[in-house]
């Protein structure tokens, strides 16, 4: 994968680390064709030139490449869909994900 923005997320209790479930959540939130290559799902949509999603054990991994030449509206709408996808996939809200990330780096 090409991107340099890999993010790793844990799943909340009760949210299974099942790649097919994650794929369905991705499909429900981002209206783009999903391709699969070696266990990684890829889409291109809105402000995402490429978005890759896969599992590493019980962790959700996301790698993205941004499309820089999009309008503010497109960027906002893409971000809104992405945040909703992450919440439905992991069970954590944006605020909870930020809190967990800060805790993991010791801030």
PDB file of N, CA and C in Angstrom:
ATOM      1  N   UNK A   1       0.845  -1.181   0.000  1.00  0.00           N
ATOM      2  CA  UNK A   1       0.000   0.000   0.000  1.00  0.00           C
ATOM      3  C   UNK A   1       0.890   1.243   0.000  1.00  0.00           C
ATOM      4  N   UNK A   2       0.354   2.304  -0.529  1.00  0.00           N
ATOM      5  CA  UNK A   2       1.184   3.462  -0.814  1.00  0.00           C
ATOM      6  C   UNK A   2       1.143   4.535   0.267  1.00  0.00           C
ATOM      7  N   UNK A   3      -0.005   4.707   0.906  1.00  0.00           N
ATOM      8  CA  UNK A   3      -0.205   5.832   1.819  1.00  0.00           C
ATOM      9  C   UNK A   3       0.771   5.877   2.975  1.00  0.00           C
ATOM     10  N   UNK A   4       0.817   7.024   3.620  1.00  0.00           N
ATOM     11  CA  UNK A   4       1.739   7.189   4.747  1.00  0.00           C
ATOM     12  C   UNK A   4       0.983   7.603   5.999  1.00  0.00           C
ATOM     13  N   UNK A   5      -0.297   7.294   6.033  1.00  0.00           N
ATOM     14  CA  UNK A   5      -1.138   7.739   7.129  1.00  0.00           C
ATOM     15  C   UNK A   5      -1.850   6.547   7.770  1.00  0.00           C
ATOM     16  N   UNK A   6      -1.098   5.541   8.200  1.00  0.00           N
ATOM     17  CA  UNK A   6      -1.715   4.348   8.790  1.00  0.00           C
ATOM     18  C   UNK A   6      -2.165   4.645  10.212  1.00  0.00           C
ATOM     19  N   UNK A   7      -3.444   4.354  10.450  1.00  0.00           N
ATOM     20  CA  UNK A   7      -4.029   4.500  11.778  1.00  0.00           C
ATOM     21  C   UNK A   7      -4.473   3.112  12.230  1.00  0.00           C
ATOM     22  N   UNK A   8      -4.330   2.833  13.521  1.00  0.00           N
ATOM     23  CA  UNK A   8      -4.711   1.538  14.069  1.00  0.00           C
ATOM     24  C   UNK A   8      -5.732   1.778  15.179  1.00  0.00           C
ATOM     25  N   UNK A   9      -6.844   1.035  15.125  1.00  0.00           N
ATOM     26  CA  UNK A   9      -7.940   1.215  16.071  1.00  0.00           C
ATOM     27  C   UNK A   9      -8.288  -0.113  16.727  1.00  0.00           C
ATOM     28  N   UNK A  10      -8.650  -0.048  18.002  1.00  0.00           N
ATOM     29  CA  UNK A  10      -9.125  -1.233  18.703  1.00  0.00           C
ATOM     30  C   UNK A  10     -10.648  -1.287  18.603  1.00  0.00           C
ATOM     31  N   UNK A  11     -11.187  -2.467  18.852  1.00  0.00           N
ATOM     32  CA  UNK A  11     -12.629  -2.655  18.835  1.00  0.00           C
ATOM     33  C   UNK A  11     -13.167  -2.639  20.260  1.00  0.00           C
ATOM     34  N   UNK A  12     -14.274  -1.962  20.432  1.00  0.00           N
ATOM     35  CA  UNK A  12     -14.948  -1.928  21.714  1.00  0.00           C
ATOM     36  C   UNK A  12     -15.526  -3.318  21.998  1.00  0.00           C
ATOM     37  N   UNK A  13     -15.652  -3.656  23.251  1.00  0.00           N
ATOM     38  CA  UNK A  13     -16.240  -4.938  23.624  1.00  0.00           C
ATOM     39  C   UNK A  13     -17.608  -5.074  22.946  1.00  0.00           C
ATOM     40  N   UNK A  14     -17.839  -6.229  22.350  1.00  0.00           N
ATOM     41  CA  UNK A  14     -19.107  -6.469  21.653  1.00  0.00           C
ATOM     42  C   UNK A  14     -19.044  -6.175  20.161  1.00  0.00           C
ATOM     43  N   UNK A  15     -17.960  -5.567  19.693  1.00  0.00           N
ATOM     44  CA  UNK A  15     -17.778  -5.289  18.265  1.00  0.00           C
ATOM     45  C   UNK A  15     -16.725  -6.273  17.739  1.00  0.00           C
ATOM     46  N   UNK A  16     -17.165  -7.176  16.877  1.00  0.00           N
ATOM     47  CA  UNK A  16     -16.261  -8.235  16.431  1.00  0.00           C
ATOM     48  C   UNK A  16     -15.236  -7.736  15.421  1.00  0.00           C
ATOM     49  N   UNK A  17     -14.049  -8.295  15.540  1.00  0.00           N
ATOM     50  CA  UNK A  17     -12.967  -7.999  14.603  1.00  0.00           C
ATOM     51  C   UNK A  17     -13.121  -8.959  13.429  1.00  0.00           C
ATOM     52  N   UNK A  18     -14.187  -8.752  12.663  1.00  0.00           N
ATOM     53  CA  UNK A  18     -14.516  -9.591  11.521  1.00  0.00           C
ATOM     54  C   UNK A  18     -14.447  -8.728  10.263  1.00  0.00           C
ATOM     55  N   UNK A  19     -13.546  -9.066   9.346  1.00  0.00           N
ATOM     56  CA  UNK A  19     -13.316  -8.223   8.176  1.00  0.00           C
ATOM     57  C   UNK A  19     -14.560  -8.114   7.300  1.00  0.00           C
ATOM     58  N   UNK A  20     -15.378  -9.144   7.246  1.00  0.00           N
ATOM     59  CA  UNK A  20     -16.608  -9.054   6.439  1.00  0.00           C
ATOM     60  C   UNK A  20     -17.595  -8.071   7.065  1.00  0.00           C
ATOM     61  N   UNK A  21     -17.680  -8.062   8.393  1.00  0.00           N
ATOM     62  CA  UNK A  21     -18.546  -7.089   9.072  1.00  0.00           C
ATOM     63  C   UNK A  21     -18.022  -5.681   8.811  1.00  0.00           C
ATOM     64  N   UNK A  22     -16.717  -5.501   8.914  1.00  0.00           N
ATOM     65  CA  UNK A  22     -16.105  -4.191   8.664  1.00  0.00           C
ATOM     66  C   UNK A  22     -16.373  -3.754   7.222  1.00  0.00           C
ATOM     67  N   UNK A  23     -16.287  -4.696   6.279  1.00  0.00           N
ATOM     68  CA  UNK A  23     -16.559  -4.388   4.867  1.00  0.00           C
ATOM     69  C   UNK A  23     -17.992  -3.901   4.698  1.00  0.00           C
ATOM     70  N   UNK A  24     -18.938  -4.552   5.363  1.00  0.00           N
ATOM     71  CA  UNK A  24     -20.348  -4.145   5.261  1.00  0.00           C
ATOM     72  C   UNK A  24     -20.564  -2.748   5.845  1.00  0.00           C
ATOM     73  N   UNK A  25     -19.879  -2.442   6.931  1.00  0.00           N
ATOM     74  CA  UNK A  25     -19.980  -1.106   7.537  1.00  0.00           C
ATOM     75  C   UNK A  25     -19.377  -0.071   6.582  1.00  0.00           C
ATOM     76  N   UNK A  26     -18.262  -0.403   5.968  1.00  0.00           N
ATOM     77  CA  UNK A  26     -17.633   0.487   4.989  1.00  0.00           C
ATOM     78  C   UNK A  26     -18.587   0.737   3.824  1.00  0.00           C
ATOM     79  N   UNK A  27     -19.161  -0.330   3.304  1.00  0.00           N
ATOM     80  CA  UNK A  27     -20.097  -0.246   2.179  1.00  0.00           C
ATOM     81  C   UNK A  27     -21.324   0.603   2.529  1.00  0.00           C
ATOM     82  N   UNK A  28     -21.821   0.464   3.758  1.00  0.00           N
ATOM     83  CA  UNK A  28     -23.009   1.194   4.191  1.00  0.00           C
ATOM     84  C   UNK A  28     -22.753   2.694   4.362  1.00  0.00           C
ATOM     85  N   UNK A  29     -21.505   3.062   4.640  1.00  0.00           N
ATOM     86  CA  UNK A  29     -21.195   4.460   4.944  1.00  0.00           C
ATOM     87  C   UNK A  29     -20.510   5.230   3.822  1.00  0.00           C
ATOM     88  N   UNK A  30     -19.835   4.533   2.946  1.00  0.00           N
ATOM     89  CA  UNK A  30     -19.109   5.219   1.873  1.00  0.00           C
ATOM     90  C   UNK A  30     -19.528   4.607   0.537  1.00  0.00           C
ATOM     91  N   UNK A  31     -20.327   5.351  -0.231  1.00  0.00           N
ATOM     92  CA  UNK A  31     -20.875   4.822  -1.487  1.00  0.00           C
ATOM     93  C   UNK A  31     -19.848   4.793  -2.615  1.00  0.00           C
ATOM     94  N   UNK A  32     -18.972   3.794  -2.544  1.00  0.00           N
ATOM     95  CA  UNK A  32     -17.927   3.650  -3.562  1.00  0.00           C
ATOM     96  C   UNK A  32     -17.705   2.167  -3.807  1.00  0.00           C
ATOM     97  N   UNK A  33     -17.151   1.860  -4.957  1.00  0.00           N
ATOM     98  CA  UNK A  33     -16.813   0.474  -5.257  1.00  0.00           C
ATOM     99  C   UNK A  33     -15.682   0.035  -4.339  1.00  0.00           C
ATOM    100  N   UNK A  34     -15.848  -1.135  -3.737  1.00  0.00           N
ATOM    101  CA  UNK A  34     -14.835  -1.679  -2.841  1.00  0.00           C
ATOM    102  C   UNK A  34     -14.123  -2.805  -3.569  1.00  0.00           C
ATOM    103  N   UNK A  35     -12.813  -2.695  -3.633  1.00  0.00           N
ATOM    104  CA  UNK A  35     -12.014  -3.784  -4.209  1.00  0.00           C
ATOM    105  C   UNK A  35     -11.243  -4.455  -3.090  1.00  0.00           C
ATOM    106  N   UNK A  36     -10.856  -5.715  -3.312  1.00  0.00           N
ATOM    107  CA  UNK A  36     -10.129  -6.467  -2.297  1.00  0.00           C
ATOM    108  C   UNK A  36      -8.849  -7.012  -2.903  1.00  0.00           C
ATOM    109  N   UNK A  37      -7.755  -6.872  -2.159  1.00  0.00           N
ATOM    110  CA  UNK A  37      -6.476  -7.394  -2.599  1.00  0.00           C
ATOM    111  C   UNK A  37      -5.707  -7.874  -1.378  1.00  0.00           C
ATOM    112  N   UNK A  38      -5.437  -9.154  -1.310  1.00  0.00           N
ATOM    113  CA  UNK A  38      -4.670  -9.751  -0.209  1.00  0.00           C
ATOM    114  C   UNK A  38      -5.235  -9.401   1.166  1.00  0.00           C
ATOM    115  N   UNK A  39      -6.555  -9.461   1.305  1.00  0.00           N
ATOM    116  CA  UNK A  39      -7.200  -9.223   2.592  1.00  0.00           C
ATOM    117  C   UNK A  39      -7.376  -7.765   2.958  1.00  0.00           C
ATOM    118  N   UNK A  40      -7.025  -6.867   2.052  1.00  0.00           N
ATOM    119  CA  UNK A  40      -7.196  -5.433   2.302  1.00  0.00           C
ATOM    120  C   UNK A  40      -8.251  -4.893   1.350  1.00  0.00           C
ATOM    121  N   UNK A  41      -9.182  -4.127   1.904  1.00  0.00           N
ATOM    122  CA  UNK A  41     -10.216  -3.497   1.089  1.00  0.00           C
ATOM    123  C   UNK A  41      -9.765  -2.099   0.714  1.00  0.00           C
ATOM    124  N   UNK A  42     -10.089  -1.703  -0.503  1.00  0.00           N
ATOM    125  CA  UNK A  42      -9.684  -0.386  -0.994  1.00  0.00           C
ATOM    126  C   UNK A  42     -10.862   0.320  -1.643  1.00  0.00           C
ATOM    127  N   UNK A  43     -10.937   1.636  -1.430  1.00  0.00           N
ATOM    128  CA  UNK A  43     -11.930   2.472  -2.097  1.00  0.00           C
ATOM    129  C   UNK A  43     -11.260   3.780  -2.511  1.00  0.00           C
ATOM    130  N   UNK A  44     -11.923   4.462  -3.404  1.00  0.00           N
ATOM    131  CA  UNK A  44     -11.550   5.821  -3.781  1.00  0.00           C
ATOM    132  C   UNK A  44     -12.848   6.605  -3.749  1.00  0.00           C
ATOM    133  N   UNK A  45     -12.891   7.657  -2.925  1.00  0.00           N
ATOM    134  CA  UNK A  45     -14.146   8.391  -2.761  1.00  0.00           C
ATOM    135  C   UNK A  45     -13.874   9.784  -2.214  1.00  0.00           C
ATOM    136  N   UNK A  46     -14.524  10.781  -2.781  1.00  0.00           N
ATOM    137  CA  UNK A  46     -14.454  12.139  -2.252  1.00  0.00           C
ATOM    138  C   UNK A  46     -13.034  12.621  -2.051  1.00  0.00           C
ATOM    139  N   UNK A  47     -12.706  12.951  -0.809  1.00  0.00           N
ATOM    140  CA  UNK A  47     -11.377  13.470  -0.481  1.00  0.00           C
ATOM    141  C   UNK A  47     -10.337  12.357  -0.323  1.00  0.00           C
ATOM    142  N   UNK A  48     -10.761  11.097  -0.475  1.00  0.00           N
ATOM    143  CA  UNK A  48      -9.820   9.986  -0.422  1.00  0.00           C
ATOM    144  C   UNK A  48      -9.414   9.587  -1.824  1.00  0.00           C
ATOM    145  N   UNK A  49      -8.153   9.815  -2.140  1.00  0.00           N
ATOM    146  CA  UNK A  49      -7.614   9.279  -3.396  1.00  0.00           C
ATOM    147  C   UNK A  49      -7.661   7.762  -3.280  1.00  0.00           C
ATOM    148  N   UNK A  50      -7.200   7.262  -2.133  1.00  0.00           N
ATOM    149  CA  UNK A  50      -7.261   5.834  -1.800  1.00  0.00           C
ATOM    150  C   UNK A  50      -7.460   5.686  -0.311  1.00  0.00           C
ATOM    151  N   UNK A  51      -8.298   4.725   0.060  1.00  0.00           N
ATOM    152  CA  UNK A  51      -8.506   4.377   1.463  1.00  0.00           C
ATOM    153  C   UNK A  51      -8.424   2.864   1.542  1.00  0.00           C
ATOM    154  N   UNK A  52      -7.508   2.364   2.368  1.00  0.00           N
ATOM    155  CA  UNK A  52      -7.316   0.926   2.541  1.00  0.00           C
ATOM    156  C   UNK A  52      -7.717   0.548   3.954  1.00  0.00           C
ATOM    157  N   UNK A  53      -8.432  -0.567   4.076  1.00  0.00           N
ATOM    158  CA  UNK A  53      -8.918  -1.041   5.372  1.00  0.00           C
ATOM    159  C   UNK A  53      -8.596  -2.522   5.498  1.00  0.00           C
ATOM    160  N   UNK A  54      -7.997  -2.918   6.632  1.00  0.00           N
ATOM    161  CA  UNK A  54      -7.719  -4.330   6.870  1.00  0.00           C
ATOM    162  C   UNK A  54      -7.615  -4.571   8.364  1.00  0.00           C
ATOM    163  N   UNK A  55      -7.558  -5.850   8.721  1.00  0.00           N
ATOM    164  CA  UNK A  55      -7.393  -6.228  10.118  1.00  0.00           C
ATOM    165  C   UNK A  55      -6.002  -6.786  10.330  1.00  0.00           C
ATOM    166  N   UNK A  56      -5.446  -6.454  11.485  1.00  0.00           N
ATOM    167  CA  UNK A  56      -4.186  -7.032  11.940  1.00  0.00           C
ATOM    168  C   UNK A  56      -4.491  -7.617  13.309  1.00  0.00           C
ATOM    169  N   UNK A  57      -4.796  -8.901  13.338  1.00  0.00           N
ATOM    170  CA  UNK A  57      -5.260  -9.506  14.581  1.00  0.00           C
ATOM    171  C   UNK A  57      -6.602  -8.915  14.961  1.00  0.00           C
ATOM    172  N   UNK A  58      -6.673  -8.337  16.156  1.00  0.00           N
ATOM    173  CA  UNK A  58      -7.918  -7.716  16.610  1.00  0.00           C
ATOM    174  C   UNK A  58      -7.881  -6.193  16.464  1.00  0.00           C
ATOM    175  N   UNK A  59      -7.068  -5.703  15.576  1.00  0.00           N
ATOM    176  CA  UNK A  59      -6.955  -4.256  15.350  1.00  0.00           C
ATOM    177  C   UNK A  59      -7.443  -3.922  13.941  1.00  0.00           C
ATOM    178  N   UNK A  60      -8.134  -2.794  13.828  1.00  0.00           N
ATOM    179  CA  UNK A  60      -8.562  -2.273  12.539  1.00  0.00           C
ATOM    180  C   UNK A  60      -7.481  -1.314  12.058  1.00  0.00           C
ATOM    181  N   UNK A  61      -6.959  -1.567  10.877  1.00  0.00           N
ATOM    182  CA  UNK A  61      -5.927  -0.712  10.298  1.00  0.00           C
ATOM    183  C   UNK A  61      -6.505   0.034   9.108  1.00  0.00           C
ATOM    184  N   UNK A  62      -6.181   1.311   9.021  1.00  0.00           N
ATOM    185  CA  UNK A  62      -6.662   2.158   7.937  1.00  0.00           C
ATOM    186  C   UNK A  62      -5.486   2.969   7.412  1.00  0.00           C
ATOM    187  N   UNK A  63      -5.327   2.952   6.106  1.00  0.00           N
ATOM    188  CA  UNK A  63      -4.271   3.718   5.450  1.00  0.00           C
ATOM    189  C   UNK A  63      -4.955   4.578   4.400  1.00  0.00           C
ATOM    190  N   UNK A  64      -4.627   5.858   4.365  1.00  0.00           N
ATOM    191  CA  UNK A  64      -5.316   6.740   3.419  1.00  0.00           C
ATOM    192  C   UNK A  64      -4.355   7.654   2.680  1.00  0.00           C
ATOM    193  N   UNK A  65      -4.765   7.990   1.484  1.00  0.00           N
ATOM    194  CA  UNK A  65      -4.102   9.008   0.682  1.00  0.00           C
ATOM    195  C   UNK A  65      -5.175  10.038   0.360  1.00  0.00           C
ATOM    196  N   UNK A  66      -4.908  11.285   0.645  1.00  0.00           N
ATOM    197  CA  UNK A  66      -5.895  12.331   0.421  1.00  0.00           C
ATOM    198  C   UNK A  66      -5.801  12.910  -0.980  1.00  0.00           C
ATOM    199  N   UNK A  67      -6.968  13.279  -1.485  1.00  0.00           N
ATOM    200  CA  UNK A  67      -7.065  14.015  -2.750  1.00  0.00           C
ATOM    201  C   UNK A  67      -7.057  15.490  -2.360  1.00  0.00           C
ATOM    202  N   UNK A  68      -6.049  16.217  -2.764  1.00  0.00           N
ATOM    203  CA  UNK A  68      -5.896  17.599  -2.321  1.00  0.00           C
ATOM    204  C   UNK A  68      -6.789  18.593  -3.064  1.00  0.00           C
ATOM    205  N   UNK A  69      -7.184  18.268  -4.266  1.00  0.00           N
ATOM    206  CA  UNK A  69      -7.953  19.220  -5.077  1.00  0.00           C
ATOM    207  C   UNK A  69      -9.451  18.974  -4.996  1.00  0.00           C
ATOM    208  N   UNK A  70      -9.998  19.011  -3.780  1.00  0.00           N
ATOM    209  CA  UNK A  70     -11.445  18.869  -3.608  1.00  0.00           C
ATOM    210  C   UNK A  70     -11.976  20.090  -2.872  1.00  0.00           C
ATOM    211  N   UNK A  71     -13.265  20.335  -3.042  1.00  0.00           N
ATOM    212  CA  UNK A  71     -13.878  21.484  -2.366  1.00  0.00           C
ATOM    213  C   UNK A  71     -13.996  21.220  -0.868  1.00  0.00           C
ATOM    214  N   UNK A  72     -14.211  22.284  -0.135  1.00  0.00           N
ATOM    215  CA  UNK A  72     -14.391  22.170   1.310  1.00  0.00           C
ATOM    216  C   UNK A  72     -15.603  21.302   1.627  1.00  0.00           C
ATOM    217  N   UNK A  73     -16.662  21.440   0.833  1.00  0.00           N
ATOM    218  CA  UNK A  73     -17.871  20.639   1.045  1.00  0.00           C
ATOM    219  C   UNK A  73     -17.589  19.150   0.872  1.00  0.00           C
ATOM    220  N   UNK A  74     -16.838  18.798  -0.163  1.00  0.00           N
ATOM    221  CA  UNK A  74     -16.496  17.396  -0.413  1.00  0.00           C
ATOM    222  C   UNK A  74     -15.632  16.862   0.725  1.00  0.00           C
ATOM    223  N   UNK A  75     -14.661  17.636   1.168  1.00  0.00           N
ATOM    224  CA  UNK A  75     -13.796  17.226   2.274  1.00  0.00           C
ATOM    225  C   UNK A  75     -14.608  17.010   3.549  1.00  0.00           C
ATOM    226  N   UNK A  76     -15.532  17.920   3.841  1.00  0.00           N
ATOM    227  CA  UNK A  76     -16.370  17.811   5.035  1.00  0.00           C
ATOM    228  C   UNK A  76     -17.245  16.562   4.972  1.00  0.00           C
ATOM    229  N   UNK A  77     -17.883  16.350   3.813  1.00  0.00           N
ATOM    230  CA  UNK A  77     -18.790  15.208   3.655  1.00  0.00           C
ATOM    231  C   UNK A  77     -18.017  13.897   3.743  1.00  0.00           C
ATOM    232  N   UNK A  78     -16.828  13.841   3.153  1.00  0.00           N
ATOM    233  CA  UNK A  78     -15.999  12.639   3.214  1.00  0.00           C
ATOM    234  C   UNK A  78     -15.593  12.350   4.660  1.00  0.00           C
ATOM    235  N   UNK A  79     -15.173  13.371   5.370  1.00  0.00           N
ATOM    236  CA  UNK A  79     -14.761  13.217   6.763  1.00  0.00           C
ATOM    237  C   UNK A  79     -15.923  12.739   7.636  1.00  0.00           C
ATOM    238  N   UNK A  80     -17.098  13.280   7.396  1.00  0.00           N
ATOM    239  CA  UNK A  80     -18.290  12.888   8.155  1.00  0.00           C
ATOM    240  C   UNK A  80     -18.599  11.409   7.937  1.00  0.00           C
ATOM    241  N   UNK A  81     -18.543  10.954   6.699  1.00  0.00           N
ATOM    242  CA  UNK A  81     -18.787   9.540   6.384  1.00  0.00           C
ATOM    243  C   UNK A  81     -17.709   8.647   6.994  1.00  0.00           C
ATOM    244  N   UNK A  82     -16.470   9.096   6.947  1.00  0.00           N
ATOM    245  CA  UNK A  82     -15.354   8.327   7.496  1.00  0.00           C
ATOM    246  C   UNK A  82     -15.485   8.178   9.018  1.00  0.00           C
ATOM    247  N   UNK A  83     -15.808   9.266   9.699  1.00  0.00           N
ATOM    248  CA  UNK A  83     -15.993   9.208  11.157  1.00  0.00           C
ATOM    249  C   UNK A  83     -17.135   8.253  11.522  1.00  0.00           C
ATOM    250  N   UNK A  84     -18.223   8.292  10.764  1.00  0.00           N
ATOM    251  CA  UNK A  84     -19.364   7.403  11.023  1.00  0.00           C
ATOM    252  C   UNK A  84     -18.947   5.949  10.794  1.00  0.00           C
ATOM    253  N   UNK A  85     -18.187   5.691   9.726  1.00  0.00           N
ATOM    254  CA  UNK A  85     -17.683   4.344   9.466  1.00  0.00           C
ATOM    255  C   UNK A  85     -16.855   3.850  10.659  1.00  0.00           C
ATOM    256  N   UNK A  86     -15.904   4.672  11.111  1.00  0.00           N
ATOM    257  CA  UNK A  86     -15.047   4.255  12.225  1.00  0.00           C
ATOM    258  C   UNK A  86     -15.863   3.974  13.481  1.00  0.00           C
ATOM    259  N   UNK A  87     -16.859   4.808  13.765  1.00  0.00           N
ATOM    260  CA  UNK A  87     -17.673   4.599  14.961  1.00  0.00           C
ATOM    261  C   UNK A  87     -18.462   3.296  14.864  1.00  0.00           C
ATOM    262  N   UNK A  88     -19.072   3.046  13.703  1.00  0.00           N
ATOM    263  CA  UNK A  88     -19.867   1.831  13.543  1.00  0.00           C
ATOM    264  C   UNK A  88     -18.981   0.582  13.474  1.00  0.00           C
ATOM    265  N   UNK A  89     -17.778   0.716  12.963  1.00  0.00           N
ATOM    266  CA  UNK A  89     -16.872  -0.436  12.867  1.00  0.00           C
ATOM    267  C   UNK A  89     -16.251  -0.781  14.212  1.00  0.00           C
ATOM    268  N   UNK A  90     -15.789   0.247  14.953  1.00  0.00           N
ATOM    269  CA  UNK A  90     -15.054  -0.007  16.205  1.00  0.00           C
ATOM    270  C   UNK A  90     -15.911   0.094  17.459  1.00  0.00           C
ATOM    271  N   UNK A  91     -16.999   0.849  17.377  1.00  0.00           N
ATOM    272  CA  UNK A  91     -17.830   1.065  18.562  1.00  0.00           C
ATOM    273  C   UNK A  91     -17.451   2.291  19.356  1.00  0.00           C
ATOM    274  N   UNK A  92     -16.347   2.941  18.976  1.00  0.00           N
ATOM    275  CA  UNK A  92     -15.881   4.124  19.696  1.00  0.00           C
ATOM    276  C   UNK A  92     -16.214   5.401  18.925  1.00  0.00           C
ATOM    277  N   UNK A  93     -16.645   6.426  19.653  1.00  0.00           N
ATOM    278  CA  UNK A  93     -16.890   7.729  19.045  1.00  0.00           C
ATOM    279  C   UNK A  93     -15.551   8.396  18.750  1.00  0.00           C
ATOM    280  N   UNK A  94     -15.583   9.489  17.986  1.00  0.00           N
ATOM    281  CA  UNK A  94     -14.357  10.227  17.673  1.00  0.00           C
ATOM    282  C   UNK A  94     -13.678  10.695  18.963  1.00  0.00           C
ATOM    283  N   UNK A  95     -14.460  11.161  19.910  1.00  0.00           N
ATOM    284  CA  UNK A  95     -13.913  11.637  21.184  1.00  0.00           C
ATOM    285  C   UNK A  95     -13.242  10.487  21.949  1.00  0.00           C
ATOM    286  N   UNK A  96     -13.893   9.316  21.954  1.00  0.00           N
ATOM    287  CA  UNK A  96     -13.313   8.163  22.643  1.00  0.00           C
ATOM    288  C   UNK A  96     -12.040   7.678  21.936  1.00  0.00           C
ATOM    289  N   UNK A  97     -12.040   7.702  20.592  1.00  0.00           N
ATOM    290  CA  UNK A  97     -10.841   7.289  19.846  1.00  0.00           C
ATOM    291  C   UNK A  97      -9.680   8.229  20.138  1.00  0.00           C
ATOM    292  N   UNK A  98      -9.946   9.528  20.210  1.00  0.00           N
ATOM    293  CA  UNK A  98      -8.907  10.505  20.526  1.00  0.00           C
ATOM    294  C   UNK A  98      -8.355  10.258  21.929  1.00  0.00           C
ATOM    295  N   UNK A  99      -9.246  10.016  22.883  1.00  0.00           N
ATOM    296  CA  UNK A  99      -8.828   9.765  24.265  1.00  0.00           C
ATOM    297  C   UNK A  99      -7.942   8.514  24.340  1.00  0.00           C
ATOM    298  N   UNK A 100      -8.333   7.448  23.632  1.00  0.00           N
ATOM    299  CA  UNK A 100      -7.537   6.217  23.615  1.00  0.00           C
ATOM    300  C   UNK A 100      -6.180   6.455  22.967  1.00  0.00           C
ATOM    301  N   UNK A 101      -6.148   7.224  21.875  1.00  0.00           N
ATOM    302  CA  UNK A 101      -4.895   7.504  21.174  1.00  0.00           C
ATOM    303  C   UNK A 101      -3.944   8.279  22.070  1.00  0.00           C
ATOM    304  N   UNK A 102      -4.462   9.270  22.769  1.00  0.00           N
ATOM    305  CA  UNK A 102      -3.623  10.061  23.680  1.00  0.00           C
ATOM    306  C   UNK A 102      -3.077   9.189  24.800  1.00  0.00           C
ATOM    307  N   UNK A 103      -3.926   8.285  25.315  1.00  0.00           N
ATOM    308  CA  UNK A 103      -3.504   7.400  26.400  1.00  0.00           C
ATOM    309  C   UNK A 103      -2.387   6.463  25.928  1.00  0.00           C
ATOM    310  N   UNK A 104      -2.489   5.980  24.687  1.00  0.00           N
ATOM    311  CA  UNK A 104      -1.489   5.053  24.152  1.00  0.00           C
ATOM    312  C   UNK A 104      -0.128   5.704  23.943  1.00  0.00           C
ATOM    313  N   UNK A 105      -0.107   7.010  23.628  1.00  0.00           N
ATOM    314  CA  UNK A 105       1.190   7.685  23.451  1.00  0.00           C
ATOM    315  C   UNK A 105       1.689   8.324  24.727  1.00  0.00           C
ATOM    316  N   UNK A 106       0.900   8.190  25.802  1.00  0.00           N
ATOM    317  CA  UNK A 106       1.336   8.669  27.104  1.00  0.00           C
ATOM    318  C   UNK A 106       1.136  10.155  27.343  1.00  0.00           C
ATOM    319  N   UNK A 107       0.207  10.780  26.607  1.00  0.00           N
ATOM    320  CA  UNK A 107      -0.040  12.211  26.792  1.00  0.00           C
ATOM    321  C   UNK A 107      -0.964  12.461  27.961  1.00  0.00           C
TER     322      UNK A 107
END
